PDB file of N, CA and C in Angstrom:
ATOM      1  N   ASN A   1     -13.769  16.929 -13.764  1.00  0.00           N
ATOM      2  CA  ASN A   1     -13.115  15.739 -13.243  1.00  0.00           C
ATOM      3  C   ASN A   1     -13.555  15.477 -11.812  1.00  0.00           C
ATOM      4  N   ILE A   2     -13.781  14.223 -11.519  1.00  0.00           N
ATOM      5  CA  ILE A   2     -14.201  13.812 -10.182  1.00  0.00           C
ATOM      6  C   ILE A   2     -13.124  12.906  -9.601  1.00  0.00           C
ATOM      7  N   PRO A   3     -12.624  13.220  -8.398  1.00  0.00           N
ATOM      8  CA  PRO A   3     -11.654  12.305  -7.782  1.00  0.00           C
ATOM      9  C   PRO A   3     -12.345  10.980  -7.446  1.00  0.00           C
ATOM     10  N   ILE A   4     -11.674   9.877  -7.745  1.00  0.00           N
ATOM     11  CA  ILE A   4     -12.242   8.557  -7.457  1.00  0.00           C
ATOM     12  C   ILE A   4     -11.467   7.834  -6.364  1.00  0.00           C
ATOM     13  N   GLY A   5     -10.397   8.453  -5.894  1.00  0.00           N
ATOM     14  CA  GLY A   5      -9.601   7.836  -4.842  1.00  0.00           C
ATOM     15  C   GLY A   5      -8.342   8.634  -4.604  1.00  0.00           C
ATOM     16  N   ARG A   6      -7.442   8.013  -3.867  1.00  0.00           N
ATOM     17  CA  ARG A   6      -6.161   8.685  -3.607  1.00  0.00           C
ATOM     18  C   ARG A   6      -5.093   7.628  -3.365  1.00  0.00           C
ATOM     19  N   ILE A   7      -3.860   8.050  -3.590  1.00  0.00           N
ATOM     20  CA  ILE A   7      -2.703   7.203  -3.317  1.00  0.00           C
ATOM     21  C   ILE A   7      -1.593   8.116  -2.843  1.00  0.00           C
ATOM     22  N   SER A   8      -0.795   7.630  -1.911  1.00  0.00           N
ATOM     23  CA  SER A   8       0.304   8.449  -1.400  1.00  0.00           C
ATOM     24  C   SER A   8       1.526   7.577  -1.158  1.00  0.00           C
ATOM     25  N   ILE A   9       2.658   8.253  -1.125  1.00  0.00           N
ATOM     26  CA  ILE A   9       3.912   7.608  -0.718  1.00  0.00           C
ATOM     27  C   ILE A   9       4.523   8.505   0.349  1.00  0.00           C
ATOM     28  N   ARG A  10       4.881   7.894   1.468  1.00  0.00           N
ATOM     29  CA  ARG A  10       5.371   8.647   2.626  1.00  0.00           C
ATOM     30  C   ARG A  10       6.701   8.081   3.100  1.00  0.00           C
ATOM     31  N   ASP A  11       7.536   8.965   3.597  1.00  0.00           N
ATOM     32  CA  ASP A  11       8.797   8.569   4.213  1.00  0.00           C
ATOM     33  C   ASP A  11       8.472   7.745   5.461  1.00  0.00           C
ATOM     34  N   ASN A  12       9.026   6.574   5.559  1.00  0.00           N
ATOM     35  CA  ASN A  12       8.773   5.662   6.670  1.00  0.00           C
ATOM     36  C   ASN A  12       9.521   6.075   7.934  1.00  0.00           C
ATOM     37  N   GLY A  13      10.559   6.886   7.784  1.00  0.00           N
ATOM     38  CA  GLY A  13      11.397   7.250   8.921  1.00  0.00           C
ATOM     39  C   GLY A  13      12.697   6.474   8.951  1.00  0.00           C
ATOM     40  N   ASP A  14      12.737   5.330   8.261  1.00  0.00           N
ATOM     41  CA  ASP A  14      13.966   4.559   8.124  1.00  0.00           C
ATOM     42  C   ASP A  14      14.618   4.947   6.802  1.00  0.00           C
ATOM     43  N   PRO A  15      15.924   5.130   6.774  1.00  0.00           N
ATOM     44  CA  PRO A  15      16.586   5.508   5.522  1.00  0.00           C
ATOM     45  C   PRO A  15      16.270   4.530   4.384  1.00  0.00           C
ATOM     46  N   GLY A  16      15.802   5.071   3.273  1.00  0.00           N
ATOM     47  CA  GLY A  16      15.523   4.284   2.083  1.00  0.00           C
ATOM     48  C   GLY A  16      14.196   3.542   2.094  1.00  0.00           C
ATOM     49  N   VAL A  17      13.433   3.660   3.178  1.00  0.00           N
ATOM     50  CA  VAL A  17      12.160   2.936   3.280  1.00  0.00           C
ATOM     51  C   VAL A  17      11.004   3.918   3.164  1.00  0.00           C
ATOM     52  N   TRP A  18      10.096   3.607   2.256  1.00  0.00           N
ATOM     53  CA  TRP A  18       8.918   4.433   2.011  1.00  0.00           C
ATOM     54  C   TRP A  18       7.679   3.560   2.160  1.00  0.00           C
ATOM     55  N   ASN A  19       6.538   4.194   2.412  1.00  0.00           N
ATOM     56  CA  ASN A  19       5.280   3.487   2.604  1.00  0.00           C
ATOM     57  C   ASN A  19       4.237   4.040   1.643  1.00  0.00           C
ATOM     58  N   ILE A  20       3.482   3.145   0.992  1.00  0.00           N
ATOM     59  CA  ILE A  20       2.390   3.610   0.146  1.00  0.00           C
ATOM     60  C   ILE A  20       1.059   3.211   0.766  1.00  0.00           C
ATOM     61  N   GLY A  21       0.060   4.007   0.466  1.00  0.00           N
ATOM     62  CA  GLY A  21      -1.308   3.719   0.866  1.00  0.00           C
ATOM     63  C   GLY A  21      -2.236   4.172  -0.239  1.00  0.00           C
ATOM     64  N   PHE A  22      -3.351   3.478  -0.402  1.00  0.00           N
ATOM     65  CA  PHE A  22      -4.303   3.862  -1.437  1.00  0.00           C
ATOM     66  C   PHE A  22      -5.724   3.630  -0.965  1.00  0.00           C
ATOM     67  N   TRP A  23      -6.647   4.357  -1.573  1.00  0.00           N
ATOM     68  CA  TRP A  23      -8.075   4.206  -1.320  1.00  0.00           C
ATOM     69  C   TRP A  23      -8.799   4.543  -2.610  1.00  0.00           C
ATOM     70  N   ILE A  24      -9.706   3.689  -3.003  1.00  0.00           N
ATOM     71  CA  ILE A  24     -10.526   3.903  -4.193  1.00  0.00           C
ATOM     72  C   ILE A  24     -11.990   3.839  -3.762  1.00  0.00           C
ATOM     73  N   HIS A  25     -12.801   4.781  -4.245  1.00  0.00           N
ATOM     74  CA  HIS A  25     -14.231   4.770  -3.936  1.00  0.00           C
ATOM     75  C   HIS A  25     -14.830   3.446  -4.416  1.00  0.00           C
ATOM     76  N   PRO A  26     -15.689   2.823  -3.621  1.00  0.00           N
ATOM     77  CA  PRO A  26     -16.259   1.524  -4.001  1.00  0.00           C
ATOM     78  C   PRO A  26     -16.932   1.496  -5.384  1.00  0.00           C
ATOM     79  N   ASP A  27     -17.464   2.614  -5.847  1.00  0.00           N
ATOM     80  CA  ASP A  27     -18.079   2.649  -7.185  1.00  0.00           C
ATOM     81  C   ASP A  27     -17.069   2.357  -8.294  1.00  0.00           C
ATOM     82  N   TYR A  28     -15.775   2.462  -7.985  1.00  0.00           N
ATOM     83  CA  TYR A  28     -14.723   2.295  -8.993  1.00  0.00           C
ATOM     84  C   TYR A  28     -13.839   1.072  -8.738  1.00  0.00           C
ATOM     85  N   TRP A  29     -14.249   0.201  -7.823  1.00  0.00           N
ATOM     86  CA  TRP A  29     -13.505  -1.021  -7.568  1.00  0.00           C
ATOM     87  C   TRP A  29     -13.566  -1.952  -8.777  1.00  0.00           C
ATOM     88  N   ARG A  30     -12.574  -2.824  -8.869  1.00  0.00           N
ATOM     89  CA  ARG A  30     -12.502  -3.876  -9.893  1.00  0.00           C
ATOM     90  C   ARG A  30     -12.338  -3.327 -11.308  1.00  0.00           C
ATOM     91  N   LYS A  31     -11.742  -2.158 -11.414  1.00  0.00           N
ATOM     92  CA  LYS A  31     -11.467  -1.572 -12.718  1.00  0.00           C
ATOM     93  C   LYS A  31      -9.960  -1.429 -12.959  1.00  0.00           C
ATOM     94  N   GLY A  32      -9.147  -1.838 -11.967  1.00  0.00           N
ATOM     95  CA  GLY A  32      -7.704  -1.791 -12.111  1.00  0.00           C
ATOM     96  C   GLY A  32      -7.067  -0.461 -11.735  1.00  0.00           C
ATOM     97  N   TYR A  33      -7.858   0.493 -11.251  1.00  0.00           N
ATOM     98  CA  TYR A  33      -7.311   1.817 -10.939  1.00  0.00           C
ATOM     99  C   TYR A  33      -6.283   1.779  -9.813  1.00  0.00           C
ATOM    100  N   ALA A  34      -6.565   1.030  -8.746  1.00  0.00           N
ATOM    101  CA  ALA A  34      -5.621   0.967  -7.624  1.00  0.00           C
ATOM    102  C   ALA A  34      -4.297   0.337  -8.065  1.00  0.00           C
ATOM    103  N   THR A  35      -4.389  -0.731  -8.835  1.00  0.00           N
ATOM    104  CA  THR A  35      -3.181  -1.413  -9.309  1.00  0.00           C
ATOM    105  C   THR A  35      -2.371  -0.493 -10.215  1.00  0.00           C
ATOM    106  N   GLU A  36      -3.034   0.163 -11.144  1.00  0.00           N
ATOM    107  CA  GLU A  36      -2.343   1.058 -12.077  1.00  0.00           C
ATOM    108  C   GLU A  36      -1.671   2.221 -11.345  1.00  0.00           C
ATOM    109  N   ALA A  37      -2.401   2.845 -10.431  1.00  0.00           N
ATOM    110  CA  ALA A  37      -1.832   3.976  -9.686  1.00  0.00           C
ATOM    111  C   ALA A  37      -0.676   3.528  -8.803  1.00  0.00           C
ATOM    112  N   ALA A  38      -0.847   2.382  -8.139  1.00  0.00           N
ATOM    113  CA  ALA A  38       0.217   1.894  -7.251  1.00  0.00           C
ATOM    114  C   ALA A  38       1.476   1.543  -8.036  1.00  0.00           C
ATOM    115  N   ARG A  39       1.312   0.938  -9.210  1.00  0.00           N
ATOM    116  CA  ARG A  39       2.505   0.627 -10.025  1.00  0.00           C
ATOM    117  C   ARG A  39       3.286   1.888 -10.358  1.00  0.00           C
ATOM    118  N   ALA A  40       2.579   2.966 -10.703  1.00  0.00           N
ATOM    119  CA  ALA A  40       3.250   4.233 -11.029  1.00  0.00           C
ATOM    120  C   ALA A  40       3.952   4.802  -9.802  1.00  0.00           C
ATOM    121  N   VAL A  41       3.309   4.735  -8.648  1.00  0.00           N
ATOM    122  CA  VAL A  41       3.913   5.274  -7.423  1.00  0.00           C
ATOM    123  C   VAL A  41       5.102   4.418  -6.983  1.00  0.00           C
ATOM    124  N   ILE A  42       4.999   3.113  -7.142  1.00  0.00           N
ATOM    125  CA  ILE A  42       6.130   2.222  -6.816  1.00  0.00           C
ATOM    126  C   ILE A  42       7.322   2.534  -7.716  1.00  0.00           C
ATOM    127  N   ALA A  43       7.073   2.709  -9.010  1.00  0.00           N
ATOM    128  CA  ALA A  43       8.161   3.062  -9.937  1.00  0.00           C
ATOM    129  C   ALA A  43       8.791   4.390  -9.538  1.00  0.00           C
ATOM    130  N   PHE A  44       7.976   5.351  -9.156  1.00  0.00           N
ATOM    131  CA  PHE A  44       8.478   6.642  -8.684  1.00  0.00           C
ATOM    132  C   PHE A  44       9.322   6.451  -7.415  1.00  0.00           C
ATOM    133  N   GLY A  45       8.848   5.637  -6.500  1.00  0.00           N
ATOM    134  CA  GLY A  45       9.569   5.409  -5.243  1.00  0.00           C
ATOM    135  C   GLY A  45      10.936   4.797  -5.456  1.00  0.00           C
ATOM    136  N   PHE A  46      11.002   3.757  -6.282  1.00  0.00           N
ATOM    137  CA  PHE A  46      12.293   3.113  -6.523  1.00  0.00           C
ATOM    138  C   PHE A  46      13.169   3.934  -7.462  1.00  0.00           C
ATOM    139  N   GLY A  47      12.557   4.621  -8.413  1.00  0.00           N
ATOM    140  CA  GLY A  47      13.333   5.406  -9.382  1.00  0.00           C
ATOM    141  C   GLY A  47      13.753   6.769  -8.864  1.00  0.00           C
ATOM    142  N   GLU A  48      12.791   7.624  -8.606  1.00  0.00           N
ATOM    143  CA  GLU A  48      13.083   9.010  -8.215  1.00  0.00           C
ATOM    144  C   GLU A  48      13.496   9.167  -6.753  1.00  0.00           C
ATOM    145  N   LEU A  49      12.913   8.360  -5.877  1.00  0.00           N
ATOM    146  CA  LEU A  49      13.213   8.493  -4.445  1.00  0.00           C
ATOM    147  C   LEU A  49      14.334   7.559  -3.994  1.00  0.00           C
ATOM    148  N   ALA A  50      14.789   6.691  -4.886  1.00  0.00           N
ATOM    149  CA  ALA A  50      15.862   5.734  -4.587  1.00  0.00           C
ATOM    150  C   ALA A  50      15.539   4.865  -3.377  1.00  0.00           C
ATOM    151  N   ALA A  51      14.276   4.477  -3.242  1.00  0.00           N
ATOM    152  CA  ALA A  51      13.865   3.608  -2.136  1.00  0.00           C
ATOM    153  C   ALA A  51      14.557   2.257  -2.241  1.00  0.00           C
ATOM    154  N   SER A  52      14.935   1.710  -1.105  1.00  0.00           N
ATOM    155  CA  SER A  52      15.453   0.342  -1.075  1.00  0.00           C
ATOM    156  C   SER A  52      14.312  -0.625  -0.759  1.00  0.00           C
ATOM    157  N   LYS A  53      13.267  -0.096  -0.103  1.00  0.00           N
ATOM    158  CA  LYS A  53      12.118  -0.921   0.250  1.00  0.00           C
ATOM    159  C   LYS A  53      10.887  -0.023   0.314  1.00  0.00           C
ATOM    160  N   ILE A  54       9.740  -0.583  -0.117  1.00  0.00           N
ATOM    161  CA  ILE A  54       8.455   0.102   0.008  1.00  0.00           C
ATOM    162  C   ILE A  54       7.532  -0.822   0.778  1.00  0.00           C
ATOM    163  N   THR A  55       6.863  -0.278   1.785  1.00  0.00           N
ATOM    164  CA  THR A  55       5.955  -1.062   2.614  1.00  0.00           C
ATOM    165  C   THR A  55       4.520  -0.613   2.383  1.00  0.00           C
ATOM    166  N   THR A  56       3.594  -1.460   2.773  1.00  0.00           N
ATOM    167  CA  THR A  56       2.176  -1.134   2.722  1.00  0.00           C
ATOM    168  C   THR A  56       1.447  -2.046   3.688  1.00  0.00           C
ATOM    169  N   ALA A  57       0.167  -1.803   3.895  1.00  0.00           N
ATOM    170  CA  ALA A  57      -0.631  -2.633   4.799  1.00  0.00           C
ATOM    171  C   ALA A  57      -2.104  -2.516   4.417  1.00  0.00           C
ATOM    172  N   HIS A  58      -2.880  -3.480   4.900  1.00  0.00           N
ATOM    173  CA  HIS A  58      -4.330  -3.419   4.729  1.00  0.00           C
ATOM    174  C   HIS A  58      -4.990  -3.975   5.977  1.00  0.00           C
ATOM    175  N   ALA A  59      -6.198  -3.487   6.273  1.00  0.00           N
ATOM    176  CA  ALA A  59      -6.968  -4.050   7.372  1.00  0.00           C
ATOM    177  C   ALA A  59      -7.175  -5.534   7.086  1.00  0.00           C
ATOM    178  N   VAL A  60      -7.097  -6.369   8.092  1.00  0.00           N
ATOM    179  CA  VAL A  60      -7.169  -7.812   7.927  1.00  0.00           C
ATOM    180  C   VAL A  60      -8.415  -8.220   7.122  1.00  0.00           C
ATOM    181  N   PHE A  61      -9.513  -7.532   7.329  1.00  0.00           N
ATOM    182  CA  PHE A  61     -10.765  -7.893   6.646  1.00  0.00           C
ATOM    183  C   PHE A  61     -10.850  -7.393   5.205  1.00  0.00           C
ATOM    184  N   ASN A  62      -9.904  -6.575   4.766  1.00  0.00           N
ATOM    185  CA  ASN A  62      -9.989  -5.934   3.449  1.00  0.00           C
ATOM    186  C   ASN A  62      -9.340  -6.806   2.364  1.00  0.00           C
ATOM    187  N   THR A  63     -10.069  -7.817   1.911  1.00  0.00           N
ATOM    188  CA  THR A  63      -9.505  -8.731   0.916  1.00  0.00           C
ATOM    189  C   THR A  63      -9.293  -8.095  -0.455  1.00  0.00           C
ATOM    190  N   PRO A  64     -10.107  -7.112  -0.889  1.00  0.00           N
ATOM    191  CA  PRO A  64      -9.785  -6.479  -2.179  1.00  0.00           C
ATOM    192  C   PRO A  64      -8.408  -5.804  -2.168  1.00  0.00           C
ATOM    193  N   SER A  65      -8.065  -5.107  -1.084  1.00  0.00           N
ATOM    194  CA  SER A  65      -6.739  -4.487  -0.991  1.00  0.00           C
ATOM    195  C   SER A  65      -5.648  -5.546  -0.936  1.00  0.00           C
ATOM    196  N   LYS A  66      -5.915  -6.643  -0.239  1.00  0.00           N
ATOM    197  CA  LYS A  66      -4.941  -7.738  -0.179  1.00  0.00           C
ATOM    198  C   LYS A  66      -4.627  -8.234  -1.589  1.00  0.00           C
ATOM    199  N   ARG A  67      -5.644  -8.416  -2.414  1.00  0.00           N
ATOM    200  CA  ARG A  67      -5.428  -8.902  -3.784  1.00  0.00           C
ATOM    201  C   ARG A  67      -4.579  -7.926  -4.586  1.00  0.00           C
ATOM    202  N   VAL A  68      -4.854  -6.623  -4.458  1.00  0.00           N
ATOM    203  CA  VAL A  68      -4.063  -5.618  -5.178  1.00  0.00           C
ATOM    204  C   VAL A  68      -2.612  -5.672  -4.709  1.00  0.00           C
ATOM    205  N   ILE A  69      -2.397  -5.691  -3.412  1.00  0.00           N
ATOM    206  CA  ILE A  69      -1.050  -5.690  -2.836  1.00  0.00           C
ATOM    207  C   ILE A  69      -0.256  -6.914  -3.304  1.00  0.00           C
ATOM    208  N   GLU A  70      -0.887  -8.070  -3.282  1.00  0.00           N
ATOM    209  CA  GLU A  70      -0.185  -9.282  -3.716  1.00  0.00           C
ATOM    210  C   GLU A  70       0.071  -9.265  -5.224  1.00  0.00           C
ATOM    211  N   LYS A  71      -0.854  -8.713  -5.997  1.00  0.00           N
ATOM    212  CA  LYS A  71      -0.671  -8.605  -7.453  1.00  0.00           C
ATOM    213  C   LYS A  71       0.533  -7.718  -7.772  1.00  0.00           C
ATOM    214  N   LEU A  72       0.788  -6.738  -6.929  1.00  0.00           N
ATOM    215  CA  LEU A  72       1.911  -5.817  -7.125  1.00  0.00           C
ATOM    216  C   LEU A  72       3.254  -6.440  -6.734  1.00  0.00           C
ATOM    217  N   GLY A  73       3.230  -7.628  -6.138  1.00  0.00           N
ATOM    218  CA  GLY A  73       4.475  -8.312  -5.789  1.00  0.00           C
ATOM    219  C   GLY A  73       4.937  -8.139  -4.355  1.00  0.00           C
ATOM    220  N   PHE A  74       4.153  -7.462  -3.524  1.00  0.00           N
ATOM    221  CA  PHE A  74       4.529  -7.299  -2.119  1.00  0.00           C
ATOM    222  C   PHE A  74       4.488  -8.659  -1.425  1.00  0.00           C
ATOM    223  N   ARG A  75       5.367  -8.817  -0.434  1.00  0.00           N
ATOM    224  CA  ARG A  75       5.434 -10.046   0.354  1.00  0.00           C
ATOM    225  C   ARG A  75       4.978  -9.756   1.786  1.00  0.00           C
ATOM    226  N   PHE A  76       4.161 -10.657   2.315  1.00  0.00           N
ATOM    227  CA  PHE A  76       3.643 -10.540   3.680  1.00  0.00           C
ATOM    228  C   PHE A  76       4.787 -10.554   4.682  1.00  0.00           C
ATOM    229  N   THR A  77       4.777  -9.591   5.618  1.00  0.00           N
ATOM    230  CA  THR A  77       5.833  -9.535   6.629  1.00  0.00           C
ATOM    231  C   THR A  77       5.311  -9.742   8.051  1.00  0.00           C
ATOM    232  N   GLY A  78       4.003  -9.638   8.255  1.00  0.00           N
ATOM    233  CA  GLY A  78       3.460  -9.866   9.592  1.00  0.00           C
ATOM    234  C   GLY A  78       2.141  -9.169   9.827  1.00  0.00           C
ATOM    235  N   GLU A  79       1.587  -9.435  11.002  1.00  0.00           N
ATOM    236  CA  GLU A  79       0.328  -8.803  11.399  1.00  0.00           C
ATOM    237  C   GLU A  79       0.580  -7.807  12.518  1.00  0.00           C
ATOM    238  N   ASN A  80       0.014  -6.635  12.390  1.00  0.00           N
ATOM    239  CA  ASN A  80       0.077  -5.613  13.427  1.00  0.00           C
ATOM    240  C   ASN A  80      -1.305  -5.599  14.092  1.00  0.00           C
ATOM    241  N   PRO A  81      -1.413  -6.005  15.370  1.00  0.00           N
ATOM    242  CA  PRO A  81      -2.725  -6.105  16.014  1.00  0.00           C
ATOM    243  C   PRO A  81      -3.448  -4.760  16.170  1.00  0.00           C
ATOM    244  N   CYS A  82      -2.697  -3.658  16.077  1.00  0.00           N
ATOM    245  CA  CYS A  82      -3.322  -2.339  16.145  1.00  0.00           C
ATOM    246  C   CYS A  82      -2.734  -1.467  15.040  1.00  0.00           C
ATOM    247  N   GLY A  83      -3.069  -1.798  13.797  1.00  0.00           N
ATOM    248  CA  GLY A  83      -2.563  -1.036  12.662  1.00  0.00           C
ATOM    249  C   GLY A  83      -3.039   0.401  12.675  1.00  0.00           C
ATOM    250  N   PHE A  84      -4.315   0.575  13.039  1.00  0.00           N
ATOM    251  CA  PHE A  84      -4.884   1.912  13.200  1.00  0.00           C
ATOM    252  C   PHE A  84      -6.099   1.796  14.107  1.00  0.00           C
ATOM    253  N   VAL A  85      -6.636   2.930  14.516  1.00  0.00           N
ATOM    254  CA  VAL A  85      -7.800   2.958  15.404  1.00  0.00           C
ATOM    255  C   VAL A  85      -8.968   3.538  14.634  1.00  0.00           C
ATOM    256  N   LYS A  86     -10.129   2.842  14.689  1.00  0.00           N
ATOM    257  CA  LYS A  86     -11.341   3.314  14.030  1.00  0.00           C
ATOM    258  C   LYS A  86     -12.474   3.242  15.036  1.00  0.00           C
ATOM    259  N   GLN A  87     -13.133   4.353  15.224  1.00  0.00           N
ATOM    260  CA  GLN A  87     -14.228   4.456  16.196  1.00  0.00           C
ATOM    261  C   GLN A  87     -13.799   3.973  17.579  1.00  0.00           C
ATOM    262  N   GLY A  88     -12.556   4.342  17.943  1.00  0.00           N
ATOM    263  CA  GLY A  88     -12.031   4.025  19.261  1.00  0.00           C
ATOM    264  C   GLY A  88     -11.560   2.596  19.450  1.00  0.00           C
ATOM    265  N   LYS A  89     -11.585   1.792  18.375  1.00  0.00           N
ATOM    266  CA  LYS A  89     -11.183   0.391  18.510  1.00  0.00           C
ATOM    267  C   LYS A  89     -10.001   0.093  17.592  1.00  0.00           C
ATOM    268  N   PRO A  90      -9.053  -0.736  18.085  1.00  0.00           N
ATOM    269  CA  PRO A  90      -7.906  -1.095  17.236  1.00  0.00           C
ATOM    270  C   PRO A  90      -8.346  -1.981  16.067  1.00  0.00           C
ATOM    271  N   VAL A  91      -7.748  -1.721  14.906  1.00  0.00           N
ATOM    272  CA  VAL A  91      -8.015  -2.516  13.709  1.00  0.00           C
ATOM    273  C   VAL A  91      -6.714  -3.205  13.316  1.00  0.00           C
ATOM    274  N   PRO A  92      -6.690  -4.539  13.340  1.00  0.00           N
ATOM    275  CA  PRO A  92      -5.469  -5.247  12.953  1.00  0.00           C
ATOM    276  C   PRO A  92      -5.195  -5.119  11.453  1.00  0.00           C
ATOM    277  N   GLU A  93      -3.925  -5.044  11.121  1.00  0.00           N
ATOM    278  CA  GLU A  93      -3.507  -4.935   9.725  1.00  0.00           C
ATOM    279  C   GLU A  93      -2.504  -6.028   9.379  1.00  0.00           C
ATOM    280  N   HIS A  94      -2.525  -6.426   8.122  1.00  0.00           N
ATOM    281  CA  HIS A  94      -1.461  -7.259   7.571  1.00  0.00           C
ATOM    282  C   HIS A  94      -0.478  -6.326   6.883  1.00  0.00           C
ATOM    283  N   GLU A  95       0.806  -6.524   7.151  1.00  0.00           N
ATOM    284  CA  GLU A  95       1.847  -5.656   6.623  1.00  0.00           C
ATOM    285  C   GLU A  95       2.651  -6.400   5.558  1.00  0.00           C
ATOM    286  N   TYR A  96       3.131  -5.616   4.574  1.00  0.00           N
ATOM    287  CA  TYR A  96       3.840  -6.163   3.413  1.00  0.00           C
ATOM    288  C   TYR A  96       5.027  -5.288   3.070  1.00  0.00           C
ATOM    289  N   ALA A  97       5.982  -5.864   2.334  1.00  0.00           N
ATOM    290  CA  ALA A  97       7.145  -5.102   1.862  1.00  0.00           C
ATOM    291  C   ALA A  97       7.508  -5.555   0.462  1.00  0.00           C
ATOM    292  N   LEU A  98       8.074  -4.619  -0.281  1.00  0.00           N
ATOM    293  CA  LEU A  98       8.600  -4.865  -1.617  1.00  0.00           C
ATOM    294  C   LEU A  98       9.984  -4.244  -1.646  1.00  0.00           C
ATOM    295  N   GLU A  99      11.003  -5.063  -1.917  1.00  0.00           N
ATOM    296  CA  GLU A  99      12.377  -4.559  -1.914  1.00  0.00           C
ATOM    297  C   GLU A  99      12.869  -4.326  -3.335  1.00  0.00           C
ATOM    298  N   ALA A 100      13.672  -3.301  -3.503  1.00  0.00           N
ATOM    299  CA  ALA A 100      14.186  -2.934  -4.830  1.00  0.00           C
ATOM    300  C   ALA A 100      14.928  -4.094  -5.458  1.00  0.00           C
ATOM    301  N   LYS A 101      15.664  -4.853  -4.686  1.00  0.00           N
ATOM    302  CA  LYS A 101      16.469  -5.943  -5.250  1.00  0.00           C
ATOM    303  C   LYS A 101      15.618  -7.090  -5.768  1.00  0.00           C
ATOM    304  N   THR A 102      14.315  -7.146  -5.419  1.00  0.00           N
ATOM    305  CA  THR A 102      13.446  -8.223  -5.890  1.00  0.00           C
ATOM    306  C   THR A 102      12.774  -7.869  -7.212  1.00  0.00           C
ATOM    307  N   LEU A 103      12.955  -6.660  -7.682  1.00  0.00           N
ATOM    308  CA  LEU A 103      12.299  -6.243  -8.933  1.00  0.00           C
ATOM    309  C   LEU A 103      13.044  -6.720 -10.145  1.00  0.00           C
TER     310      LEU A 103
END
């Protein structure tokens, strides 16, 4: 077996709020793997972890991740001008949330 990507769910620090992140190797893009894995992790978050909200984000330039996030039902909540730092430079991110009551 060869790993083709990863997905995680992390405690956000706010009660009931969790954050997911995913990465799929480019050789495996457009096959539905990110969407399928994220749906399972979202179900786990709301079911087993009793999350009230799950958040996620993508680099502003990453339109494939944006499509996956929107397909999953997340709603845009804002832009973070320094979502993370890459090669010493801030990378802006678009942030999203999915609330349990909207499912």
